[in-house]
């Protein structure tokens, strides 16, 4: 039975890559057979490690539910939404699929997603995070877990440079630049204090400290002045040699955390999501510490927030909504699934599951949890679903940022250009 189910999932994966012959040979779509058994199609994105543990969790689900067979299809991040959008348009949407906050609102408003109320037990899920999966009052998606955007520090680089870790309870953006510059100067050839990036989570934290939000009433909520200052911060970091020059910075910004400066022991700091801590530790072979984000002097908010790492959603046109809800319920509420999946899709948000598996989690995951617990009272509420078109904003922010650090635009020109283009894209 298990071999047959794995074969079914392999066929679905082949079909997703366009292997039409394999689709014909494997046969069968989602639905109920004459014997009352149900087949679910499930899709997600990620690396090989995610595929492996998700398949392991699905195997446990199938053992618990012998009347349900799961056909999995998965891809890397770059092709995921193209494939998903094509399937939705063709009326062949997966019964269950992963989605992230930048696309959630857009999919929900196009009647693509099923209302999950009553299909998934949400009683033990963090209510604030759960609200992130609701659009216009309807629970269209269930968060897989939560992340916080933070600074990671490679302790070995600090030690070799003779620089102490900063007091992250009080440091400012100027302190961040100063520490980075000292690390570069004392760290030796090819070592840098930090690497810059233009992630929208970074901008969200920076703007929040000034009382601004990334989105407001369906448009960009960040002022041109704040955006220009954010771009200038990155320019200043390069000028002070706290981070690499524009060419290397742009290259690093396209790499995974394993190829980052902290991951290769060539940098003291970098900003990443907390669920990436394990990957950073493994890649570097060193201890990586999580630090709070620097703050603007006098800021009333830390700017830090918990964000659902991603969501599980069900197709509005699935004929197997009950089974789809049962699978999502298992993935977010079952302790066995929690042990297998760990923090790969964010720290578990079910309090009972977390209590049961916490001591068994890898050291890095426990460190992430300890960090979140430490800063919890400083965290702002998780974001709600973004406006339509928000999926284009991260690349747009990066494009203008790269123009700034390359000297092609001033921070003010980039801020004004970005706002005009972004607001014409949203909605």
Protein backbone atom coordinates (compact mmCIF):
# COMPACT_ATOMS: atom_id res chain seq x y z
CA UNK A 1 0.00 0.00 0.00
CA UNK A 2 2.73 2.46 0.98
CA UNK A 3 4.67 1.73 -2.21
CA UNK A 4 1.54 2.32 -4.28
CA UNK A 5 0.88 5.65 -2.60
CA UNK A 6 4.45 6.83 -3.11
CA UNK A 7 4.16 5.85 -6.77
CA UNK A 8 0.98 7.95 -7.02
CA UNK A 9 2.80 10.94 -5.60
CA UNK A 10 5.72 10.44 -7.99
CA UNK A 11 3.31 10.39 -10.93
CA UNK A 12 1.76 13.65 -9.79
CA UNK A 13 5.20 15.21 -9.45
CA UNK A 14 6.11 14.07 -12.98
CA UNK A 15 2.86 15.49 -14.30
CA UNK A 16 3.64 18.86 -12.70
CA UNK A 17 6.90 19.04 -14.65
CA UNK A 18 5.08 18.54 -17.94
CA UNK A 19 5.81 14.82 -18.38
CA UNK A 20 2.60 14.13 -20.31
CA UNK A 21 3.49 10.52 -21.01
CA UNK A 22 3.93 9.92 -17.32
CA UNK A 23 0.54 11.54 -16.66
CA UNK A 24 -1.16 9.25 -19.10
CA UNK A 25 0.58 6.19 -17.73
CA UNK A 26 -0.20 7.02 -14.13
CA UNK A 27 -3.75 8.18 -14.75
CA UNK A 28 -6.30 9.32 -12.19
CA UNK A 29 -7.27 12.74 -10.90
CA UNK A 30 -8.35 13.79 -7.43
CA UNK A 31 -11.76 12.52 -6.46
CA UNK A 32 -13.61 9.59 -4.99
CA UNK A 33 -13.42 6.14 -6.47
CA UNK A 34 -16.17 3.56 -6.63
CA UNK A 35 -14.76 2.03 -3.46
CA UNK A 36 -15.32 5.26 -1.53
CA UNK A 37 -11.62 6.06 -1.32
CA UNK A 38 -10.45 9.61 -1.84
CA UNK A 39 -7.46 10.99 -3.71
CA UNK A 40 -6.10 14.40 -2.79
CA UNK A 41 -3.72 16.47 -4.90
CA UNK A 42 -1.32 18.54 -2.79
CA UNK A 43 1.28 21.08 -3.95
CA UNK A 44 4.04 23.09 -2.26
CA UNK A 45 7.40 24.69 -2.97
CA UNK A 46 10.79 24.22 -1.36
CA UNK A 47 14.11 22.46 -1.36
CA UNK A 48 14.75 18.70 -1.26
CA UNK A 49 14.83 18.65 2.54
CA UNK A 50 11.31 20.09 2.71
CA UNK A 51 10.01 17.65 0.16
CA UNK A 52 11.43 14.76 2.17
CA UNK A 53 9.92 15.66 5.53
CA UNK A 54 6.58 16.64 4.01
CA UNK A 55 6.36 13.25 2.32
CA UNK A 56 7.19 11.62 5.65
CA UNK A 57 4.35 13.48 7.33
CA UNK A 58 1.97 12.56 4.52
CA UNK A 59 2.91 8.89 4.95
CA UNK A 60 1.81 9.11 8.59
CA UNK A 61 -1.43 10.82 7.55
CA UNK A 62 -2.20 8.09 5.03
CA UNK A 63 -1.62 5.40 7.64
CA UNK A 64 -4.08 7.16 9.92
CA UNK A 65 -6.52 7.65 7.03
CA UNK A 66 -6.34 4.54 4.80
CA UNK A 67 -9.28 5.81 2.73
CA UNK A 68 -7.26 8.84 1.54
CA UNK A 69 -4.38 8.76 -0.94
CA UNK A 70 -2.28 11.88 -1.44
CA UNK A 71 -0.70 12.78 -4.77
CA UNK A 72 2.09 15.30 -4.22
CA UNK A 73 3.58 17.76 -6.67
CA UNK A 74 6.28 20.21 -5.70
CA UNK A 75 8.79 22.56 -7.25
CA UNK A 76 11.36 25.16 -6.36
CA UNK A 77 10.20 28.65 -5.42
CA UNK A 78 10.89 30.31 -8.77
CA UNK A 79 8.45 28.17 -10.75
CA UNK A 80 5.84 27.45 -8.09
CA UNK A 81 3.30 30.19 -8.71
CA UNK A 82 3.57 29.92 -12.50
CA UNK A 83 2.66 26.24 -12.21
CA UNK A 84 -0.06 26.86 -9.64
CA UNK A 85 -1.64 29.69 -11.61
CA UNK A 86 -1.66 27.54 -14.75
CA UNK A 87 -3.38 24.70 -12.89
CA UNK A 88 -5.98 27.03 -11.39
CA UNK A 89 -6.75 28.59 -14.77
CA UNK A 90 -7.14 25.12 -16.30
CA UNK A 91 -9.57 24.01 -13.60
CA UNK A 92 -7.01 21.55 -12.28
CA UNK A 93 -6.07 23.24 -9.00
CA UNK A 94 -4.61 21.04 -6.24
CA UNK A 95 -7.05 20.22 -3.48
CA UNK A 96 -4.53 21.50 -0.92
CA UNK A 97 -1.63 23.83 -1.62
CA UNK A 98 0.87 26.11 0.07
CA UNK A 99 0.57 29.85 -0.35
CA UNK A 100 2.30 32.85 1.22
CA UNK A 101 0.98 36.15 2.47
CA UNK A 102 1.92 38.13 -0.63
CA UNK A 103 -0.43 36.00 -2.77
CA UNK A 104 -3.10 35.06 -0.23
CA UNK A 105 -5.33 38.09 -0.67
CA UNK A 106 -5.13 37.96 -4.44
CA UNK A 107 -6.10 34.27 -4.62
CA UNK A 108 -8.88 34.69 -2.05
CA UNK A 109 -10.45 37.67 -3.81
CA UNK A 110 -10.59 35.70 -7.07
CA UNK A 111 -12.71 32.97 -5.41
CA UNK A 112 -9.87 30.48 -5.73
CA UNK A 113 -9.77 29.43 -2.07
CA UNK A 114 -12.23 27.47 0.05
CA UNK A 115 -13.59 28.71 3.36
CA UNK A 116 -11.88 26.49 5.94
CA UNK A 117 -14.20 27.33 8.84
CA UNK A 118 -15.39 24.08 10.37
CA UNK A 119 -12.96 22.01 8.30
CA UNK A 120 -9.90 22.60 10.49
CA UNK A 121 -9.75 22.67 14.29
CA UNK A 122 -8.32 26.08 15.18
CA UNK A 123 -8.90 25.99 18.94
CA UNK A 124 -5.22 25.59 19.88
CA UNK A 125 -3.78 27.86 17.20
CA UNK A 126 -2.41 31.30 17.98
CA UNK A 127 -5.39 33.61 17.26
CA UNK A 128 -3.27 36.53 16.05
CA UNK A 129 -1.39 34.36 13.59
CA UNK A 130 -4.61 32.64 12.55
CA UNK A 131 -6.10 36.03 11.69
CA UNK A 132 -3.37 36.40 9.09
CA UNK A 133 -5.07 33.68 7.06
CA UNK A 134 -8.41 35.48 6.96
CA UNK A 135 -9.44 37.77 4.11
CA UNK A 136 -12.48 40.00 4.48
CA UNK A 137 -13.59 37.99 7.50
CA UNK A 138 -13.32 34.53 5.90
CA UNK A 139 -10.72 31.98 7.03
CA UNK A 140 -9.22 30.99 3.68
CA UNK A 141 -5.87 29.71 4.94
CA UNK A 142 -4.22 28.19 7.99
CA UNK A 143 -0.70 29.32 8.94
CA UNK A 144 1.90 26.55 8.91
CA UNK A 145 3.96 28.29 11.59
CA UNK A 146 5.55 31.61 12.42
CA UNK A 147 8.83 33.42 11.83
CA UNK A 148 10.40 36.61 13.08
CA UNK A 149 12.76 38.77 11.01
CA UNK A 150 15.95 39.21 13.01
CA UNK A 151 19.68 39.84 12.86
CA UNK A 152 21.87 36.74 12.93
CA UNK A 153 25.40 36.98 14.30
CA UNK A 154 28.20 34.52 13.56
CA UNK A 155 29.93 34.32 16.94
CA UNK A 156 33.18 32.92 15.52
CA UNK A 157 33.63 35.97 13.27
CA UNK A 158 33.08 38.26 16.25
CA UNK A 159 35.58 36.31 18.35
CA UNK A 160 38.27 36.29 15.66
CA UNK A 161 37.85 40.02 15.15
CA UNK A 162 37.95 40.71 18.87
CA UNK A 163 34.61 42.49 18.72
CA UNK A 164 31.95 41.96 21.38
CA UNK A 165 28.39 41.11 20.42
CA UNK A 166 26.23 44.24 20.56
CA UNK A 167 23.67 44.89 23.27
CA UNK A 168 20.67 44.17 21.10
CA UNK A 169 18.27 45.50 23.73
CA UNK A 170 19.44 49.04 23.08
CA UNK A 171 21.43 49.26 19.85
CA UNK A 172 20.58 51.76 17.11
CA UNK A 173 21.01 51.73 13.35
CA UNK A 174 24.17 53.78 13.81
CA UNK A 175 25.47 51.14 16.25
CA UNK A 176 24.69 48.49 13.64
CA UNK A 177 26.80 50.34 11.07
CA UNK A 178 29.62 50.96 13.56
CA UNK A 179 29.82 47.32 14.67
CA UNK A 180 29.77 46.18 11.04
CA UNK A 181 32.61 48.54 10.14
CA UNK A 182 34.73 47.35 13.07
CA UNK A 183 34.19 43.72 12.09
CA UNK A 184 35.29 44.40 8.51
CA UNK A 185 38.45 46.22 9.62
CA UNK A 186 39.46 43.63 12.24
CA UNK A 187 38.21 40.49 10.56
CA UNK A 188 40.91 40.10 7.94
CA UNK A 189 40.85 39.95 4.16
CA UNK A 190 37.54 38.88 2.64
CA UNK A 191 35.58 39.29 5.88
CA UNK A 192 32.77 41.81 6.26
CA UNK A 193 30.66 43.07 9.12
CA UNK A 194 27.33 42.35 7.46
CA UNK A 195 25.57 42.02 4.13
CA UNK A 196 22.83 44.37 3.02
CA UNK A 197 19.51 43.36 1.52
CA UNK A 198 16.28 44.93 0.34
CA UNK A 199 13.80 42.47 1.83
CA UNK A 200 10.31 43.88 2.41
CA UNK A 201 10.36 42.46 5.97
CA UNK A 202 13.43 44.63 6.65
CA UNK A 203 11.58 47.69 5.35
CA UNK A 204 8.51 46.75 7.39
CA UNK A 205 10.55 46.77 10.61
CA UNK A 206 12.38 49.98 9.71
CA UNK A 207 9.16 51.81 8.79
CA UNK A 208 7.25 50.51 11.81
CA UNK A 209 9.76 52.23 14.10
CA UNK A 210 8.62 55.48 12.47
CA UNK A 211 4.95 54.71 12.88
CA UNK A 212 4.45 53.67 9.26
CA UNK A 213 3.25 50.39 7.77
CA UNK A 214 4.25 48.69 4.55
CA UNK A 215 0.67 48.72 3.25
CA UNK A 216 -2.21 51.06 4.05
CA UNK A 217 -5.64 50.86 2.42
CA UNK A 218 -4.36 48.80 -0.46
CA UNK A 219 -1.39 51.04 -1.27
CA UNK A 220 2.17 51.48 0.03
CA UNK A 221 2.01 52.99 3.50
CA UNK A 222 5.69 53.97 3.70
CA UNK A 223 6.51 57.61 3.03
CA UNK A 224 9.07 58.69 0.45
CA UNK A 225 11.24 60.12 3.23
CA UNK A 226 11.35 56.88 5.20
CA UNK A 227 12.03 54.86 2.05
CA UNK A 228 14.84 57.22 1.02
CA UNK A 229 16.40 56.94 4.48
CA UNK A 230 16.20 53.15 4.26
CA UNK A 231 17.98 53.13 0.92
CA UNK A 232 20.53 55.61 2.29
CA UNK A 233 21.25 53.31 5.23
CA UNK A 234 22.42 50.65 2.79
CA UNK A 235 24.52 53.17 0.85
CA UNK A 236 26.18 54.30 4.08
CA UNK A 237 26.94 50.71 5.06
CA UNK A 238 28.84 50.20 1.81
CA UNK A 239 30.68 53.52 2.11
CA UNK A 240 31.87 52.67 5.62
CA UNK A 241 32.91 49.21 4.36
CA UNK A 242 30.64 47.59 6.90
CA UNK A 243 29.32 45.54 3.97
CA UNK A 244 30.70 44.57 0.55
CA UNK A 245 30.57 46.81 -2.50
CA UNK A 246 27.51 46.96 -4.75
CA UNK A 247 28.54 44.14 -7.07
CA UNK A 248 29.18 41.61 -4.31
CA UNK A 249 26.17 42.83 -2.32
CA UNK A 250 23.88 42.20 -5.28
CA UNK A 251 25.36 38.75 -5.77
CA UNK A 252 24.93 37.85 -2.11
CA UNK A 253 21.35 39.10 -2.07
CA UNK A 254 20.48 36.47 -4.67
CA UNK A 255 22.08 33.61 -2.71
CA UNK A 256 20.63 31.28 -0.10
CA UNK A 257 21.57 31.58 3.56
CA UNK A 258 24.00 28.70 3.10
CA UNK A 259 25.98 30.90 0.68
CA UNK A 260 25.56 34.05 2.76
CA UNK A 261 28.44 35.75 4.54
CA UNK A 262 27.48 34.28 7.92
CA UNK A 263 26.92 30.87 6.35
CA UNK A 264 30.42 30.84 4.84
CA UNK A 265 32.07 32.42 7.92
CA UNK A 266 32.94 35.53 5.92
CA UNK A 267 30.56 37.88 7.69
CA UNK A 268 29.61 38.81 11.21
CA UNK A 269 25.92 39.57 10.68
CA UNK A 270 22.98 39.34 8.33
CA UNK A 271 19.19 39.66 8.47
CA UNK A 272 17.13 36.52 7.95
CA UNK A 273 13.98 34.72 9.14
CA UNK A 274 14.31 32.79 12.39
CA UNK A 275 13.41 29.45 10.79
CA UNK A 276 16.66 29.77 8.77
CA UNK A 277 18.79 29.55 11.90
CA UNK A 278 19.38 25.82 11.58
CA UNK A 279 20.54 26.17 7.97
CA UNK A 280 22.96 28.93 9.01
CA UNK A 281 24.37 26.84 11.84
CA UNK A 282 24.85 23.79 9.64
CA UNK A 283 26.40 25.73 6.76
CA UNK A 284 28.86 27.64 8.95
CA UNK A 285 29.63 24.89 11.44
CA UNK A 286 29.63 27.67 14.03
CA UNK A 287 27.21 29.05 16.59
CA UNK A 288 24.87 31.66 15.17
CA UNK A 289 23.11 33.97 17.64
CA UNK A 290 19.78 35.70 17.07
CA UNK A 291 19.67 39.42 17.83
CA UNK A 292 16.87 41.96 17.97
CA UNK A 293 16.61 44.46 15.14
CA UNK A 294 18.40 47.79 15.71
CA UNK A 295 16.08 50.69 16.54
CA UNK A 296 15.75 54.32 15.64
CA UNK A 297 16.41 56.58 18.65
CA UNK A 298 13.15 57.27 20.47
CA UNK A 299 11.17 54.72 18.47
CA UNK A 300 8.01 53.57 20.25
CA UNK A 301 8.00 50.25 18.39
CA UNK A 302 10.74 47.67 17.95
CA UNK A 303 9.47 47.08 14.44
CA UNK A 304 9.73 43.33 15.00
CA UNK A 305 6.76 41.11 14.29
CA UNK A 306 5.73 37.50 13.96
CA UNK A 307 4.68 36.55 10.46
CA UNK A 308 3.05 33.33 9.31
CA UNK A 309 5.82 31.60 7.38
CA UNK A 310 3.28 30.39 4.85
CA UNK A 311 -0.21 28.92 4.76
CA UNK A 312 -2.08 25.79 3.78
CA UNK A 313 -5.15 26.50 1.66
CA UNK A 314 -7.75 24.40 -0.14
CA UNK A 315 -9.20 24.91 -3.59
CA UNK A 316 -12.66 26.47 -3.72
CA UNK A 317 -13.49 23.99 -6.47
CA UNK A 318 -12.23 20.85 -4.77
CA UNK A 319 -14.74 18.01 -4.58
CA UNK A 320 -12.89 16.71 -1.53
CA UNK A 321 -13.08 19.61 0.91
CA UNK A 322 -13.66 17.42 3.96
CA UNK A 323 -10.58 15.33 3.18
CA UNK A 324 -8.61 18.47 2.33
CA UNK A 325 -9.54 19.97 5.68
CA UNK A 326 -8.56 16.74 7.42
CA UNK A 327 -5.09 16.86 5.84
CA UNK A 328 -4.54 20.52 6.77
CA UNK A 329 -5.77 19.80 10.29
CA UNK A 330 -3.24 16.97 10.57
CA UNK A 331 -0.34 19.08 9.30
CA UNK A 332 -0.89 21.90 11.80
CA UNK A 333 -2.42 20.07 14.80
CA UNK A 334 -0.96 16.57 14.99
CA UNK A 335 2.09 16.10 17.27
CA UNK A 336 3.56 13.46 14.95
CA UNK A 337 3.42 15.92 12.05
CA UNK A 338 4.93 18.58 14.30
CA UNK A 339 7.88 16.36 15.18
CA UNK A 340 8.55 15.55 11.55
CA UNK A 341 8.10 19.04 10.10
CA UNK A 342 9.80 20.94 12.94
CA UNK A 343 10.29 24.61 12.09
CA UNK A 344 10.81 24.13 8.35
CA UNK A 345 7.65 26.14 7.62
CA UNK A 346 8.02 28.29 10.71
CA UNK A 347 7.80 27.60 14.42
CA UNK A 348 4.69 25.50 15.21
CA UNK A 349 1.73 27.68 16.16
CA UNK A 350 -0.33 25.03 17.94
CA UNK A 351 0.37 25.50 21.66
CA UNK A 352 -0.29 21.87 22.58
CA UNK A 353 1.87 20.52 19.76
CA UNK A 354 4.64 22.91 20.70
CA UNK A 355 4.54 21.86 24.35
CA UNK A 356 4.75 18.21 23.35
CA UNK A 357 7.57 18.44 20.84
CA UNK A 358 9.64 21.36 22.15
CA UNK A 359 12.20 19.27 24.04
CA UNK A 360 12.68 17.04 20.97
CA UNK A 361 13.29 19.90 18.55
CA UNK A 362 16.81 20.49 17.22
CA UNK A 363 18.95 22.94 19.18
CA UNK A 364 18.54 25.68 16.57
CA UNK A 365 14.74 25.43 16.68
CA UNK A 366 14.78 25.63 20.46
CA UNK A 367 17.01 28.70 20.21
CA UNK A 368 14.52 30.30 17.79
CA UNK A 369 11.68 29.60 20.21
CA UNK A 370 13.66 31.02 23.13
CA UNK A 371 14.38 34.16 21.08
CA UNK A 372 10.72 34.64 20.16
CA UNK A 373 9.71 34.15 23.80
CA UNK A 374 12.31 36.74 24.85
CA UNK A 375 11.05 39.41 22.47
CA UNK A 376 7.35 38.48 22.41
CA UNK A 377 6.22 41.50 24.41
CA UNK A 378 7.97 43.75 21.89
CA UNK A 379 6.40 42.19 18.80
CA UNK A 380 3.71 43.96 16.83
CA UNK A 381 0.68 42.08 15.50
CA UNK A 382 1.26 39.84 12.47
CA UNK A 383 0.38 41.39 9.11
CA UNK A 384 -2.92 40.70 7.42
CA UNK A 385 -3.34 39.64 3.81
CA UNK A 386 -1.57 41.97 1.40
CA UNK A 387 -3.19 43.86 -1.51
CA UNK A 388 -3.46 42.35 -4.98
CA UNK A 389 -0.14 42.72 -6.79
CA UNK A 390 1.91 42.59 -3.58
CA UNK A 391 3.89 39.62 -4.89
CA UNK A 392 5.64 42.03 -7.29
CA UNK A 393 6.76 44.43 -4.55
CA UNK A 394 9.84 42.56 -3.17
CA UNK A 395 11.57 42.39 -6.56
CA UNK A 396 10.63 46.00 -7.20
CA UNK A 397 12.16 47.12 -3.88
CA UNK A 398 15.32 45.21 -4.71
CA UNK A 399 15.55 46.61 -8.24
CA UNK A 400 15.39 50.20 -7.02
CA UNK A 401 17.77 49.40 -4.17
CA UNK A 402 20.32 47.95 -6.55
CA UNK A 403 20.07 51.10 -8.67
CA UNK A 404 20.81 53.17 -5.56
CA UNK A 405 23.88 51.28 -4.36
CA UNK A 406 25.20 51.07 -7.93
CA UNK A 407 25.01 54.86 -8.20
CA UNK A 408 22.32 54.93 -10.89
CA UNK A 409 19.72 56.65 -8.69
CA UNK A 410 19.75 58.79 -5.58
CA UNK A 411 17.86 57.39 -2.59
CA UNK A 412 15.19 60.08 -2.98
CA UNK A 413 14.72 59.44 -6.71
CA UNK A 414 14.52 55.70 -6.06
CA UNK A 415 11.96 56.21 -3.30
CA UNK A 416 9.73 58.37 -5.46
CA UNK A 417 10.10 56.06 -8.47
CA UNK A 418 9.33 53.00 -6.40
CA UNK A 419 6.21 54.53 -4.84
CA UNK A 420 4.82 55.57 -8.21
CA UNK A 421 5.44 52.16 -9.79
CA UNK A 422 4.34 50.18 -6.76
CA UNK A 423 1.08 52.04 -6.23
CA UNK A 424 0.20 51.65 -9.90
CA UNK A 425 0.77 47.90 -9.54
CA UNK A 426 -1.27 47.36 -6.38
CA UNK A 427 -5.02 46.93 -6.26
